Structure formats: structure tokens, C-alpha cells
Amino acid sequence: LRNAQTASDKGSGMPKVAQELRSLYDEYSTYVASHQTGVFQPSSRLMRVIDDRIVIDAVASGDVNVLKSDLESLGMRQAVALGLIVSGELPITAIPAMGALASLNFARAASVLLHGGPRPSPGANEL
């Protein structure tokens, strides 16, 4: 099983990048290669894409400011560091380069907030 995992990680080429980002990169690459017109829309509605950029959360392997600088050098906009996490808008085309950063521990798509108000807890109206 260990060899299968290692082979799988090597096959992906981006073991520090979440599967949803690897899939998004593949989907975007296919879109660009097909010369489609219009704005790229990912198949997953849970990912926030803005002008061919994906909003991500990246966890630093060490100094968060080094990771922030590295991500900005790859074209990240609106980079904000908090704790060990850098969030911002990364060009989809930079996902493989991000996966190779020594300053990166792990990266994933930022969570999308779903609209709607708070829901009452079960039994809240039974007073």
C-alpha cells in the first residue's frame, strides 16, 4: 500500500496540493487547449474562481511570510497571511509551480460560504 501511495503521489506530481486543485488545473488546461470562448467555469460550484484565478488557502511549512512572498511571485493577488495560512487568488496555471514550493506544506481551495441565514437548532421551538 505504501508503494501504491508513493506511486500515486509521484503520478500526480503535486502531493502537497489538494485533489480539487489538481482536478481544477486539469479541467482548466483542457478548457484552454480546446480554444473555447467565454469565461471559464469550473464544474464544481464550491470553488471560487475569479478571472482565471482560484481562491486558495495555503499552509506554510515554516515562515508564513516566505510562503506569502513565494505565492505572490507566482502571481497571487490579495494575499493575506494569518497564523501559518496564506489565502488569496492564485492563477490556475500556477497550481503546479505552487506544488513544488519548499515553503508550502499543503494547499486547498478556500471554502465557499453558502448563502442563507442561520438555521434554528433542532428543538429550538419546543420551549
C-alpha atoms as a PDB file:
ATOM      1  CA  LEU A   1       0.000   0.000   0.000  1.00  0.00           C
ATOM      2  CA  ARG A   2       2.863   2.382   0.795  1.00  0.00           C
ATOM      3  CA  ASN A   3       4.336   1.881  -2.695  1.00  0.00           C
ATOM      4  CA  ALA A   4       0.918   2.461  -4.258  1.00  0.00           C
ATOM      5  CA  GLN A   5       0.541   5.732  -2.354  1.00  0.00           C
ATOM      6  CA  THR A   6       4.022   6.879  -3.332  1.00  0.00           C
ATOM      7  CA  ALA A   7       3.407   5.994  -6.969  1.00  0.00           C
ATOM      8  CA  SER A   8       0.093   7.844  -6.844  1.00  0.00           C
ATOM      9  CA  ASP A   9       1.724  10.950  -5.341  1.00  0.00           C
ATOM     10  CA  LYS A  10       4.505  10.858  -7.930  1.00  0.00           C
ATOM     11  CA  GLY A  11       1.931  10.359 -10.685  1.00  0.00           C
ATOM     12  CA  SER A  12       0.052  13.454  -9.609  1.00  0.00           C
ATOM     13  CA  GLY A  13       3.275  15.424  -9.372  1.00  0.00           C
ATOM     14  CA  MET A  14       1.654  17.606  -6.710  1.00  0.00           C
ATOM     15  CA  PRO A  15       1.328  15.703  -3.415  1.00  0.00           C
ATOM     16  CA  LYS A  16       1.114  18.968  -1.409  1.00  0.00           C
ATOM     17  CA  VAL A  17      -1.873  20.165  -3.467  1.00  0.00           C
ATOM     18  CA  ALA A  18      -5.426  19.016  -2.669  1.00  0.00           C
ATOM     19  CA  GLN A  19      -7.167  16.826  -5.228  1.00  0.00           C
ATOM     20  CA  GLU A  20      -9.772  19.511  -6.035  1.00  0.00           C
ATOM     21  CA  LEU A  21      -6.987  21.903  -7.119  1.00  0.00           C
ATOM     22  CA  ARG A  22      -5.271  19.238  -9.236  1.00  0.00           C
ATOM     23  CA  SER A  23      -8.617  18.459 -10.890  1.00  0.00           C
ATOM     24  CA  LEU A  24      -9.299  22.162 -11.453  1.00  0.00           C
ATOM     25  CA  TYR A  25      -5.891  22.572 -13.122  1.00  0.00           C
ATOM     26  CA  ASP A  26      -6.605  19.607 -15.429  1.00  0.00           C
ATOM     27  CA  GLU A  27     -10.079  20.938 -16.240  1.00  0.00           C
ATOM     28  CA  TYR A  28      -8.714  24.431 -16.954  1.00  0.00           C
ATOM     29  CA  SER A  29      -5.892  23.045 -19.127  1.00  0.00           C
ATOM     30  CA  THR A  30      -8.454  21.135 -21.197  1.00  0.00           C
ATOM     31  CA  TYR A  31     -10.588  24.281 -21.493  1.00  0.00           C
ATOM     32  CA  VAL A  32      -7.630  26.379 -22.715  1.00  0.00           C
ATOM     33  CA  ALA A  33      -6.447  23.669 -25.153  1.00  0.00           C
ATOM     34  CA  SER A  34      -9.945  23.459 -26.683  1.00  0.00           C
ATOM     35  CA  HIS A  35      -9.833  27.197 -27.553  1.00  0.00           C
ATOM     36  CA  GLN A  36     -13.313  27.719 -26.119  1.00  0.00           C
ATOM     37  CA  THR A  37     -14.621  31.248 -25.892  1.00  0.00           C
ATOM     38  CA  GLY A  38     -16.252  32.780 -22.859  1.00  0.00           C
ATOM     39  CA  VAL A  39     -15.401  32.760 -19.188  1.00  0.00           C
ATOM     40  CA  PHE A  40     -14.061  29.534 -17.684  1.00  0.00           C
ATOM     41  CA  GLN A  41     -16.465  27.999 -15.170  1.00  0.00           C
ATOM     42  CA  PRO A  42     -15.261  25.041 -13.077  1.00  0.00           C
ATOM     43  CA  SER A  43     -17.546  22.026 -12.873  1.00  0.00           C
ATOM     44  CA  SER A  44     -17.564  22.343  -9.071  1.00  0.00           C
ATOM     45  CA  ARG A  45     -19.684  25.219  -7.794  1.00  0.00           C
ATOM     46  CA  LEU A  46     -17.881  25.015  -4.445  1.00  0.00           C
ATOM     47  CA  MET A  47     -14.705  26.556  -5.851  1.00  0.00           C
ATOM     48  CA  ARG A  48     -14.381  30.318  -6.119  1.00  0.00           C
ATOM     49  CA  VAL A  49     -12.821  31.241  -9.473  1.00  0.00           C
ATOM     50  CA  ILE A  50     -12.226  34.921 -10.254  1.00  0.00           C
ATOM     51  CA  ASP A  51     -10.734  35.883 -13.642  1.00  0.00           C
ATOM     52  CA  ASP A  52      -8.974  32.519 -14.165  1.00  0.00           C
ATOM     53  CA  ARG A  53      -7.727  32.565 -10.556  1.00  0.00           C
ATOM     54  CA  ILE A  54      -8.714  30.249  -7.732  1.00  0.00           C
ATOM     55  CA  VAL A  55      -9.104  31.401  -4.143  1.00  0.00           C
ATOM     56  CA  ILE A  56      -6.891  29.137  -2.044  1.00  0.00           C
ATOM     57  CA  ASP A  57      -5.723  28.544   1.499  1.00  0.00           C
ATOM     58  CA  ALA A  58      -2.063  27.503   1.658  1.00  0.00           C
ATOM     59  CA  VAL A  59      -0.356  26.243   4.810  1.00  0.00           C
ATOM     60  CA  ALA A  60       3.283  27.202   5.317  1.00  0.00           C
ATOM     61  CA  SER A  61       5.926  24.609   6.083  1.00  0.00           C
ATOM     62  CA  GLY A  62       7.857  27.243   8.058  1.00  0.00           C
ATOM     63  CA  ASP A  63       7.832  31.038   7.936  1.00  0.00           C
ATOM     64  CA  VAL A  64       4.438  32.174   6.623  1.00  0.00           C
ATOM     65  CA  ASN A  65       5.971  35.329   5.140  1.00  0.00           C
ATOM     66  CA  VAL A  66       8.283  33.240   2.946  1.00  0.00           C
ATOM     67  CA  LEU A  67       5.256  31.324   1.626  1.00  0.00           C
ATOM     68  CA  LYS A  68       3.350  34.571   1.063  1.00  0.00           C
ATOM     69  CA  SER A  69       6.270  36.007  -0.912  1.00  0.00           C
ATOM     70  CA  ASP A  70       6.649  32.787  -2.931  1.00  0.00           C
ATOM     71  CA  LEU A  71       2.924  32.752  -3.788  1.00  0.00           C
ATOM     72  CA  GLU A  72       2.997  36.437  -4.766  1.00  0.00           C
ATOM     73  CA  SER A  73       5.915  35.667  -7.087  1.00  0.00           C
ATOM     74  CA  LEU A  74       3.631  33.116  -8.787  1.00  0.00           C
ATOM     75  CA  GLY A  75       1.036  35.839  -9.340  1.00  0.00           C
ATOM     76  CA  MET A  76      -1.147  35.569  -6.242  1.00  0.00           C
ATOM     77  CA  ARG A  77      -3.342  38.624  -5.649  1.00  0.00           C
ATOM     78  CA  GLN A  78      -4.976  39.733  -2.402  1.00  0.00           C
ATOM     79  CA  ALA A  79      -2.508  37.612  -0.389  1.00  0.00           C
ATOM     80  CA  VAL A  80      -3.222  37.655   3.344  1.00  0.00           C
ATOM     81  CA  ALA A  81      -1.242  35.728   5.963  1.00  0.00           C
ATOM     82  CA  LEU A  82      -2.771  34.650   9.263  1.00  0.00           C
ATOM     83  CA  GLY A  83      -1.043  32.173  11.527  1.00  0.00           C
ATOM     84  CA  LEU A  84       0.533  29.633   9.172  1.00  0.00           C
ATOM     85  CA  ILE A  85      -2.055  30.159   6.405  1.00  0.00           C
ATOM     86  CA  VAL A  86      -1.831  32.356   3.323  1.00  0.00           C
ATOM     87  CA  SER A  87      -5.076  32.998   1.477  1.00  0.00           C
ATOM     88  CA  GLY A  88      -5.507  34.718  -1.852  1.00  0.00           C
ATOM     89  CA  GLU A  89      -6.278  34.460  -5.564  1.00  0.00           C
ATOM     90  CA  LEU A  90      -3.765  32.252  -7.386  1.00  0.00           C
ATOM     91  CA  PRO A  91      -3.679  31.923 -11.183  1.00  0.00           C
ATOM     92  CA  ILE A  92      -4.965  28.442 -12.038  1.00  0.00           C
ATOM     93  CA  THR A  93      -1.935  27.998 -14.305  1.00  0.00           C
ATOM     94  CA  ALA A  94       0.367  28.438 -11.267  1.00  0.00           C
ATOM     95  CA  ILE A  95      -1.019  25.420  -9.375  1.00  0.00           C
ATOM     96  CA  PRO A  96       1.814  23.026 -10.435  1.00  0.00           C
ATOM     97  CA  ALA A  97       4.520  25.591  -9.583  1.00  0.00           C
ATOM     98  CA  MET A  98       2.875  26.164  -6.194  1.00  0.00           C
ATOM     99  CA  GLY A  99       3.000  22.418  -5.525  1.00  0.00           C
ATOM    100  CA  ALA A 100       6.786  22.494  -5.920  1.00  0.00           C
ATOM    101  CA  LEU A 101       7.385  25.271  -3.349  1.00  0.00           C
ATOM    102  CA  ALA A 102       9.567  24.235  -0.409  1.00  0.00           C
ATOM    103  CA  SER A 103       7.738  26.842   1.704  1.00  0.00           C
ATOM    104  CA  LEU A 104       4.393  25.056   1.142  1.00  0.00           C
ATOM    105  CA  ASN A 105       3.124  22.328   3.436  1.00  0.00           C
ATOM    106  CA  PHE A 106      -0.339  21.939   1.824  1.00  0.00           C
ATOM    107  CA  ALA A 107      -2.815  23.907  -0.284  1.00  0.00           C
ATOM    108  CA  ARG A 108      -6.532  23.571  -0.929  1.00  0.00           C
ATOM    109  CA  ALA A 109      -9.351  25.578  -2.443  1.00  0.00           C
ATOM    110  CA  ALA A 110     -10.759  28.073   0.047  1.00  0.00           C
ATOM    111  CA  SER A 111     -14.162  27.175   1.416  1.00  0.00           C
ATOM    112  CA  VAL A 112     -17.095  28.852  -0.256  1.00  0.00           C
ATOM    113  CA  LEU A 113     -19.674  30.353   2.058  1.00  0.00           C
ATOM    114  CA  LEU A 114     -23.150  29.231   1.136  1.00  0.00           C
ATOM    115  CA  HIS A 115     -25.839  31.894   1.284  1.00  0.00           C
ATOM    116  CA  GLY A 116     -28.699  31.598   3.718  1.00  0.00           C
ATOM    117  CA  GLY A 117     -29.367  32.552   7.265  1.00  0.00           C
ATOM    118  CA  PRO A 118     -28.670  30.561  10.369  1.00  0.00           C
ATOM    119  CA  ARG A 119     -30.882  27.569  10.898  1.00  0.00           C
ATOM    120  CA  PRO A 120     -32.529  27.001  14.249  1.00  0.00           C
ATOM    121  CA  SER A 121     -31.172  24.056  16.150  1.00  0.00           C
ATOM    122  CA  PRO A 122     -33.469  21.031  16.444  1.00  0.00           C
ATOM    123  CA  GLY A 123     -35.983  21.506  19.230  1.00  0.00           C
ATOM    124  CA  ALA A 124     -35.374  25.264  19.470  1.00  0.00           C
ATOM    125  CA  ASN A 125     -39.097  25.985  19.068  1.00  0.00           C
ATOM    126  CA  GLU A 126     -40.153  23.418  21.656  1.00  0.00           C
ATOM    127  CA  LEU A 127     -39.889  25.599  24.771  1.00  0.00           C
END
